[in-house]
Amino acid sequence: MTESMTEPKTGLTAQCPTETSAEPEQRPGDGHEATMLLERARAAVDPVLRAAIGSLPASMRRIALYHFGWEHADGTPAGGGSGKAIRPALVLAAASALGGPTARATAVRAAAAVELVHNFTLLHDDVMDRDATRRHRPTAWTVFGDAGAILAGDALQALALRLLAEDPHPAAPAAAARLADCVVELCEGQHADTAMERRGPGEVTLAETLAMAESKTGALLGCACAIGALYAGAGDADVEALDAFGRAAGLAFQLIDDVIGIWGDPLRTGKPAGADLAARKKSLPVVAALTSGTPAGAELAALYATPHQKEDLEHITLIVERAGGRDWAQAQAADRMARAMQEVARAVPDPEAAGGLLALAEFVTRRNT
């Protein structure tokens, strides 16, 4: 049962849940193992998230609870999910890989902070991209307006930094600084993305699109892993190796996400089929197709220079595939995953200890929703 706005709220200084059970056996590439890690992360961070959001003024609290899927727009409890918890799971898995179950338990508050920042970006991105659905229901801005969604996102970012400011763990100040730097990089990536959308289809390079994707997606996954390492007391070299691991896995994640954005099943994704193509988004498969030097790439450029026609979407989807966009994105995702494995091995050479991180990275690049 979810909380309603009228129920008693706990403050941000409420104790984080602790975990004393032994770590499960970890097998890289095991989808069941990754699912279990995600479920454990969600169970650990949700109480912290609810307490943090419960401290917001009523107007912001209502929008945030709706965005997380815990309430309907009228404030009544909802049973919707609040996302896959990939980023908090990475925080906890990194802490566990380098410091064991004790480090994992102390990193729960930091994991919640990362998830708050992630959801701040989602609220803002939905406004800027004019996305009408997320998690199978209307986005917050379509229900509460642009200003409400933007301000709620700002409030979530503030809550994230407050969680870390109030955390007595010795790594909290370094984690807060790292998360703040990450937010700046996320904003830089989003600015690059919006600027690219105003340019013609022949004016965008693949290299800058990859760099933008790393800033928008890889930065926060890298930050999540690095923060987990900080909470485990790791040295600088290991922290940076896990940041590089997360960035590589994050770029693989974005590549697959862009593939799903074109070829995914809307019943599973919760978004209309071809939404990115209809909006003329320069996603990674599209830019790969546009820069392929093929006749199909030239045809795609001509179509992308014209206003959206619903009947064109199926044809454009086929052209992107013919120009090699889908194959390129899938091959690049595999390459980035290989790089991610090399990076994690630098910090955690024991495959068993690194199993949780590897299982999560494999999971996000093999999803179909």
Protein backbone atom coordinates (compact mmCIF):
# COMPACT_ATOMS: atom_id res chain seq x y z
CA MET A 1 0.00 0.00 0.00
CA THR A 2 1.38 3.39 -0.92
CA GLU A 3 1.25 6.46 1.28
CA SER A 4 -1.23 9.23 0.61
CA MET A 5 -0.41 12.88 1.14
CA THR A 6 -2.50 13.00 4.30
CA GLU A 7 -0.66 10.22 6.11
CA PRO A 8 2.09 11.00 8.66
CA LYS A 9 5.46 11.69 7.12
CA THR A 10 8.90 10.89 8.44
CA GLY A 11 11.80 13.29 8.14
CA LEU A 12 14.99 13.01 6.16
CA THR A 13 16.92 11.95 9.23
CA ALA A 14 14.97 8.69 9.53
CA GLN A 15 17.23 5.67 9.75
CA CYS A 16 18.09 4.02 6.47
CA PRO A 17 17.22 0.33 6.29
CA THR A 18 20.15 -1.94 7.00
CA GLU A 19 20.90 -5.27 5.40
CA THR A 20 22.70 -8.01 7.29
CA SER A 21 22.04 -11.00 5.06
CA ALA A 22 24.89 -12.45 3.05
CA GLU A 23 25.30 -11.40 -0.53
CA PRO A 24 23.65 -13.82 -2.98
CA GLU A 25 25.80 -15.88 -5.31
CA GLN A 26 26.53 -13.60 -8.29
CA ARG A 27 26.77 -14.84 -11.84
CA PRO A 28 27.51 -12.33 -14.62
CA GLY A 29 24.95 -12.43 -17.40
CA ASP A 30 22.32 -14.11 -15.20
CA GLY A 31 19.10 -12.18 -15.75
CA HIS A 32 17.55 -13.67 -12.63
CA GLU A 33 20.47 -12.46 -10.52
CA ALA A 34 20.16 -8.93 -11.92
CA THR A 35 16.42 -8.91 -11.26
CA MET A 36 17.03 -9.94 -7.65
CA LEU A 37 19.62 -7.18 -7.22
CA LEU A 38 17.20 -4.62 -8.64
CA GLU A 39 14.42 -5.80 -6.36
CA ARG A 40 16.70 -5.63 -3.33
CA ALA A 41 17.82 -2.14 -4.29
CA ARG A 42 14.25 -0.96 -4.72
CA ALA A 43 13.23 -2.43 -1.36
CA ALA A 44 16.20 -0.72 0.31
CA VAL A 45 15.87 2.76 -1.21
CA ASP A 46 12.09 3.17 -1.46
CA PRO A 47 11.61 3.92 2.26
CA VAL A 48 14.34 6.57 2.06
CA LEU A 49 12.80 8.06 -1.08
CA ARG A 50 9.33 8.15 0.50
CA ALA A 51 10.68 9.83 3.63
CA ALA A 52 12.53 12.43 1.56
CA ILE A 53 9.56 13.17 -0.69
CA GLY A 54 7.30 13.27 2.34
CA SER A 55 9.27 16.26 3.62
CA LEU A 56 8.36 18.37 0.57
CA PRO A 57 5.64 21.03 0.60
CA ALA A 58 2.26 19.57 -0.36
CA SER A 59 2.30 20.96 -3.92
CA MET A 60 5.71 19.47 -4.75
CA ARG A 61 4.99 16.28 -2.84
CA ARG A 62 1.87 15.60 -4.88
CA ILE A 63 3.71 15.87 -8.20
CA ALA A 64 6.68 13.81 -7.01
CA LEU A 65 4.49 11.01 -5.65
CA TYR A 66 2.60 10.95 -8.94
CA HIS A 67 5.83 10.84 -10.94
CA PHE A 68 7.16 7.93 -8.87
CA GLY A 69 3.92 6.04 -9.46
CA TRP A 70 2.90 5.97 -5.81
CA GLU A 71 -0.16 8.20 -6.19
CA HIS A 72 -2.73 9.05 -8.81
CA ALA A 73 -3.11 12.66 -9.91
CA ASP A 74 -5.92 13.15 -7.36
CA GLY A 75 -3.69 12.05 -4.49
CA THR A 76 -5.18 8.60 -3.99
CA PRO A 77 -2.75 5.67 -3.59
CA ALA A 78 -1.52 3.99 -6.78
CA GLY A 79 0.18 0.67 -7.23
CA GLY A 80 2.48 1.69 -10.06
CA GLY A 81 6.20 1.04 -10.01
CA SER A 82 8.81 3.75 -9.59
CA GLY A 83 11.25 2.46 -12.18
CA LYS A 84 13.77 -0.34 -12.43
CA ALA A 85 16.18 1.07 -9.79
CA ILE A 86 19.20 0.44 -12.02
CA ARG A 87 21.22 3.36 -10.66
CA PRO A 88 20.71 2.71 -6.95
CA ALA A 89 21.39 -0.97 -7.62
CA LEU A 90 24.74 0.02 -9.14
CA VAL A 91 25.61 2.11 -6.07
CA LEU A 92 24.90 -0.83 -3.80
CA ALA A 93 26.58 -3.39 -6.04
CA ALA A 94 29.74 -1.25 -6.28
CA ALA A 95 29.84 -0.80 -2.51
CA SER A 96 29.37 -4.53 -2.04
CA ALA A 97 32.01 -5.44 -4.63
CA LEU A 98 34.68 -3.40 -2.86
CA GLY A 99 33.50 -3.46 0.74
CA GLY A 100 31.07 -6.34 1.23
CA PRO A 101 27.58 -6.32 2.81
CA THR A 102 28.53 -3.76 5.49
CA ALA A 103 29.51 -1.17 2.87
CA ARG A 104 26.34 -1.93 0.93
CA ALA A 105 24.19 -1.25 4.00
CA THR A 106 25.86 2.10 4.67
CA ALA A 107 25.40 3.24 1.04
CA VAL A 108 21.59 3.06 0.95
CA ARG A 109 21.13 6.79 1.55
CA ALA A 110 23.60 7.60 -1.22
CA ALA A 111 21.81 5.19 -3.54
CA ALA A 112 18.55 7.03 -2.86
CA ALA A 113 20.25 10.35 -3.62
CA VAL A 114 21.35 9.05 -7.02
CA GLU A 115 17.82 7.87 -7.75
CA LEU A 116 16.43 11.29 -6.83
CA VAL A 117 18.81 12.96 -9.28
CA HIS A 118 17.82 10.47 -11.97
CA ASN A 119 14.15 11.32 -11.49
CA PHE A 120 14.91 15.03 -11.50
CA THR A 121 16.35 14.55 -14.98
CA LEU A 122 13.34 12.52 -16.10
CA LEU A 123 10.89 15.24 -15.04
CA HIS A 124 12.87 17.90 -16.89
CA ASP A 125 13.56 15.75 -19.96
CA ASP A 126 9.87 14.96 -20.38
CA VAL A 127 9.07 18.69 -20.44
CA MET A 128 11.83 19.52 -22.93
CA ASP A 129 11.13 16.53 -25.17
CA ARG A 130 7.33 16.94 -24.83
CA ASP A 131 7.05 13.23 -24.05
CA ALA A 132 3.45 12.50 -23.13
CA THR A 133 3.85 9.10 -21.48
CA ARG A 134 6.25 7.49 -19.04
CA ARG A 135 5.88 4.19 -17.22
CA HIS A 136 2.61 3.54 -19.03
CA ARG A 137 0.80 6.70 -17.93
CA PRO A 138 0.74 10.45 -18.65
CA THR A 139 3.92 12.32 -17.76
CA ALA A 140 3.87 14.79 -14.89
CA TRP A 141 3.95 17.88 -17.08
CA THR A 142 0.87 16.78 -19.00
CA VAL A 143 -1.01 16.48 -15.70
CA PHE A 144 0.40 19.32 -13.59
CA GLY A 145 1.81 21.65 -16.24
CA ASP A 146 5.34 22.54 -17.28
CA ALA A 147 6.10 24.72 -14.27
CA GLY A 148 4.90 22.12 -11.79
CA ALA A 149 7.01 19.35 -13.32
CA ILE A 150 10.12 21.54 -13.55
CA LEU A 151 9.82 22.72 -9.96
CA ALA A 152 9.19 19.20 -8.69
CA GLY A 153 12.35 18.10 -10.50
CA ASP A 154 14.30 20.94 -8.89
CA ALA A 155 12.98 19.84 -5.49
CA LEU A 156 14.14 16.24 -6.08
CA GLN A 157 17.63 17.45 -6.89
CA ALA A 158 17.69 19.49 -3.67
CA LEU A 159 16.52 16.46 -1.69
CA ALA A 160 19.34 14.38 -3.16
CA LEU A 161 21.99 16.80 -1.97
CA ARG A 162 20.29 17.14 1.42
CA LEU A 163 20.32 13.37 1.88
CA LEU A 164 24.08 13.39 1.43
CA ALA A 165 24.58 16.53 3.52
CA GLU A 166 22.81 14.83 6.45
CA ASP A 167 24.61 11.50 5.99
CA PRO A 168 27.22 10.94 8.72
CA HIS A 169 29.22 8.54 6.53
CA PRO A 170 32.77 9.89 5.96
CA ALA A 171 32.39 9.47 2.17
CA ALA A 172 29.26 11.64 2.01
CA PRO A 173 31.01 14.98 1.25
CA ALA A 174 33.00 13.46 -1.63
CA ALA A 175 29.85 11.76 -2.90
CA ALA A 176 27.92 15.04 -2.77
CA ALA A 177 30.63 16.85 -4.72
CA ARG A 178 30.76 14.06 -7.28
CA LEU A 179 26.98 14.06 -7.69
CA ALA A 180 26.92 17.85 -8.11
CA ASP A 181 29.58 17.63 -10.82
CA CYS A 182 27.55 14.90 -12.48
CA VAL A 183 24.44 17.12 -12.56
CA VAL A 184 26.44 19.79 -14.36
CA GLU A 185 27.57 17.21 -16.90
CA LEU A 186 24.00 15.95 -17.32
CA CYS A 187 22.87 19.50 -18.03
CA GLU A 188 25.68 19.92 -20.55
CA GLY A 189 24.62 16.71 -22.29
CA GLN A 190 20.98 17.75 -22.38
CA HIS A 191 21.92 21.16 -23.77
CA ALA A 192 23.97 19.48 -26.50
CA ASP A 193 21.02 17.21 -27.27
CA THR A 194 18.54 20.06 -27.63
CA ALA A 195 21.01 22.07 -29.73
CA MET A 196 21.54 19.10 -32.05
CA GLU A 197 17.81 18.78 -32.61
CA ARG A 198 17.77 22.28 -34.12
CA ARG A 199 20.44 21.37 -36.67
CA GLY A 200 19.83 19.76 -40.02
CA PRO A 201 20.10 15.98 -40.46
CA GLY A 202 23.38 16.36 -42.33
CA GLU A 203 24.97 18.64 -39.72
CA VAL A 204 25.40 16.16 -36.85
CA THR A 205 28.37 13.82 -36.50
CA LEU A 206 28.41 10.41 -34.90
CA ALA A 207 31.28 11.37 -32.59
CA GLU A 208 29.41 14.28 -31.04
CA THR A 209 26.26 12.21 -30.70
CA LEU A 210 28.21 9.54 -28.80
CA ALA A 211 29.77 12.23 -26.57
CA MET A 212 26.33 13.69 -25.87
CA ALA A 213 24.94 10.26 -24.99
CA GLU A 214 27.79 9.59 -22.59
CA SER A 215 27.10 12.87 -20.81
CA LYS A 216 23.35 12.32 -20.66
CA THR A 217 23.32 8.65 -19.67
CA GLY A 218 26.81 7.34 -18.98
CA ALA A 219 27.69 10.12 -16.54
CA LEU A 220 25.07 9.18 -13.96
CA LEU A 221 25.71 5.44 -14.18
CA GLY A 222 29.41 6.12 -13.77
CA CYS A 223 28.70 8.43 -10.86
CA ALA A 224 26.52 5.75 -9.22
CA CYS A 225 29.33 3.20 -9.40
CA ALA A 226 31.92 5.70 -8.20
CA ILE A 227 29.79 6.70 -5.22
CA GLY A 228 29.38 3.06 -4.26
CA ALA A 229 33.16 2.72 -4.39
CA LEU A 230 33.58 5.80 -2.20
CA TYR A 231 31.27 4.33 0.42
CA ALA A 232 33.39 1.17 0.39
CA GLY A 233 36.47 3.26 1.20
CA ALA A 234 38.12 2.57 -2.16
CA GLY A 235 41.16 4.47 -3.39
CA ASP A 236 41.14 6.98 -6.22
CA ALA A 237 42.21 4.48 -8.89
CA ASP A 238 39.39 2.08 -8.07
CA VAL A 239 36.84 4.88 -7.87
CA GLU A 240 37.84 6.10 -11.32
CA ALA A 241 37.84 2.58 -12.75
CA LEU A 242 34.27 2.04 -11.57
CA ASP A 243 33.26 5.43 -12.95
CA ALA A 244 34.68 4.35 -16.33
CA PHE A 245 32.84 1.03 -16.02
CA GLY A 246 29.55 2.80 -15.40
CA ARG A 247 30.09 5.22 -18.26
CA ALA A 248 30.80 2.42 -20.72
CA ALA A 249 27.81 0.42 -19.50
CA GLY A 250 25.71 3.61 -19.62
CA LEU A 251 26.58 4.23 -23.24
CA ALA A 252 25.70 0.62 -24.04
CA PHE A 253 22.43 1.20 -22.18
CA GLN A 254 21.69 4.31 -24.28
CA LEU A 255 22.47 2.52 -27.52
CA ILE A 256 20.01 -0.23 -26.67
CA ASP A 257 17.48 2.31 -25.39
CA ASP A 258 17.64 4.11 -28.72
CA VAL A 259 17.10 0.82 -30.54
CA ILE A 260 14.08 0.14 -28.35
CA GLY A 261 12.83 3.67 -29.03
CA ILE A 262 12.51 2.75 -32.71
CA TRP A 263 11.85 -0.99 -32.75
CA GLY A 264 10.46 -1.65 -29.25
CA ASP A 265 6.96 -2.91 -28.54
CA PRO A 266 4.87 0.01 -27.19
CA LEU A 267 2.91 -2.41 -24.99
CA ARG A 268 6.18 -3.11 -23.18
CA THR A 269 7.90 0.26 -23.42
CA GLY A 270 4.91 2.39 -22.42
CA LYS A 271 5.67 4.84 -25.24
CA PRO A 272 4.07 5.16 -28.68
CA ALA A 273 5.81 3.28 -31.51
CA GLY A 274 8.13 5.50 -33.51
CA ALA A 275 7.88 8.44 -31.11
CA ASP A 276 11.57 9.33 -31.55
CA LEU A 277 11.29 9.18 -35.33
CA ALA A 278 8.11 11.23 -35.32
CA ALA A 279 9.88 13.90 -33.29
CA ARG A 280 12.84 13.69 -35.71
CA LYS A 281 15.13 12.82 -32.80
CA LYS A 282 18.75 12.31 -33.77
CA SER A 283 19.18 9.15 -31.76
CA LEU A 284 22.30 7.03 -32.16
CA PRO A 285 20.88 4.54 -34.70
CA VAL A 286 19.48 7.43 -36.73
CA VAL A 287 22.76 9.37 -36.80
CA ALA A 288 24.61 6.17 -37.69
CA ALA A 289 22.20 5.74 -40.60
CA LEU A 290 22.45 9.41 -41.62
CA THR A 291 26.26 9.25 -41.71
CA SER A 292 26.45 5.81 -43.33
CA GLY A 293 27.15 7.14 -46.83
CA THR A 294 24.51 4.78 -48.22
CA PRO A 295 21.56 5.54 -50.52
CA ALA A 296 19.28 4.65 -47.62
CA GLY A 297 21.10 7.20 -45.47
CA ALA A 298 20.58 9.89 -48.09
CA GLU A 299 16.89 9.02 -48.31
CA LEU A 300 16.61 9.22 -44.53
CA ALA A 301 18.21 12.68 -44.54
CA ALA A 302 15.63 13.90 -47.04
CA LEU A 303 12.76 12.49 -44.99
CA TYR A 304 14.17 13.89 -41.74
CA ALA A 305 14.21 17.35 -43.30
CA THR A 306 10.42 17.24 -43.80
CA PRO A 307 7.60 17.57 -41.26
CA HIS A 308 6.30 14.43 -39.60
CA GLN A 309 3.68 12.40 -41.43
CA LYS A 310 2.26 9.47 -39.49
CA GLU A 311 2.18 7.24 -42.55
CA ASP A 312 5.94 7.76 -43.03
CA LEU A 313 6.99 6.19 -39.73
CA GLU A 314 7.02 2.58 -40.88
CA HIS A 315 8.99 3.53 -43.99
CA ILE A 316 11.51 5.59 -41.99
CA THR A 317 11.97 2.73 -39.56
CA LEU A 318 12.81 0.42 -42.45
CA ILE A 319 15.24 2.95 -43.95
CA VAL A 320 17.15 3.34 -40.67
CA GLU A 321 17.58 -0.42 -40.58
CA ARG A 322 18.61 -0.64 -44.25
CA ALA A 323 21.22 2.05 -43.70
CA GLY A 324 22.74 -0.06 -40.93
CA GLY A 325 21.61 2.01 -37.95
CA ARG A 326 20.23 -0.90 -35.96
CA ASP A 327 23.18 -3.24 -36.57
CA TRP A 328 25.68 -0.49 -35.78
CA ALA A 329 23.97 0.39 -32.49
CA GLN A 330 23.83 -3.23 -31.37
CA ALA A 331 27.48 -3.82 -32.29
CA GLN A 332 28.53 -0.65 -30.47
CA ALA A 333 26.59 -1.72 -27.40
CA ALA A 334 28.51 -5.00 -27.35
CA ASP A 335 31.81 -3.13 -27.75
CA ARG A 336 31.04 -0.77 -24.87
CA MET A 337 30.10 -3.70 -22.68
CA ALA A 338 33.47 -5.29 -23.41
CA ARG A 339 35.15 -2.05 -22.34
CA ALA A 340 33.02 -1.96 -19.20
CA MET A 341 34.20 -5.44 -18.23
CA GLN A 342 37.82 -4.41 -18.71
CA GLU A 343 37.32 -1.40 -16.43
CA VAL A 344 35.60 -3.28 -13.62
CA ALA A 345 38.35 -5.91 -13.69
CA ARG A 346 40.86 -3.15 -12.85
CA ALA A 347 39.08 -2.38 -9.58
CA VAL A 348 37.58 -5.77 -8.77
CA PRO A 349 39.74 -8.51 -10.29
CA ASP A 350 37.80 -11.28 -8.53
CA PRO A 351 34.92 -12.17 -10.94
CA GLU A 352 32.79 -13.43 -8.06
CA ALA A 353 33.07 -10.14 -6.19
CA ALA A 354 32.33 -8.19 -9.39
CA GLY A 355 29.39 -10.42 -10.28
CA GLY A 356 26.67 -8.02 -9.19
CA LEU A 357 28.04 -5.16 -11.27
CA LEU A 358 28.50 -7.37 -14.31
CA ALA A 359 25.04 -8.90 -13.95
CA LEU A 360 23.43 -5.45 -13.84
CA ALA A 361 25.43 -4.22 -16.83
CA GLU A 362 24.49 -7.30 -18.84
CA PHE A 363 20.86 -6.88 -17.83
CA VAL A 364 20.49 -3.31 -19.06
CA THR A 365 21.93 -4.17 -22.47
CA ARG A 366 19.75 -7.24 -22.95
CA ARG A 367 16.41 -5.72 -21.97
CA ASN A 368 13.58 -5.47 -24.46
CA THR A 369 11.38 -2.99 -22.65
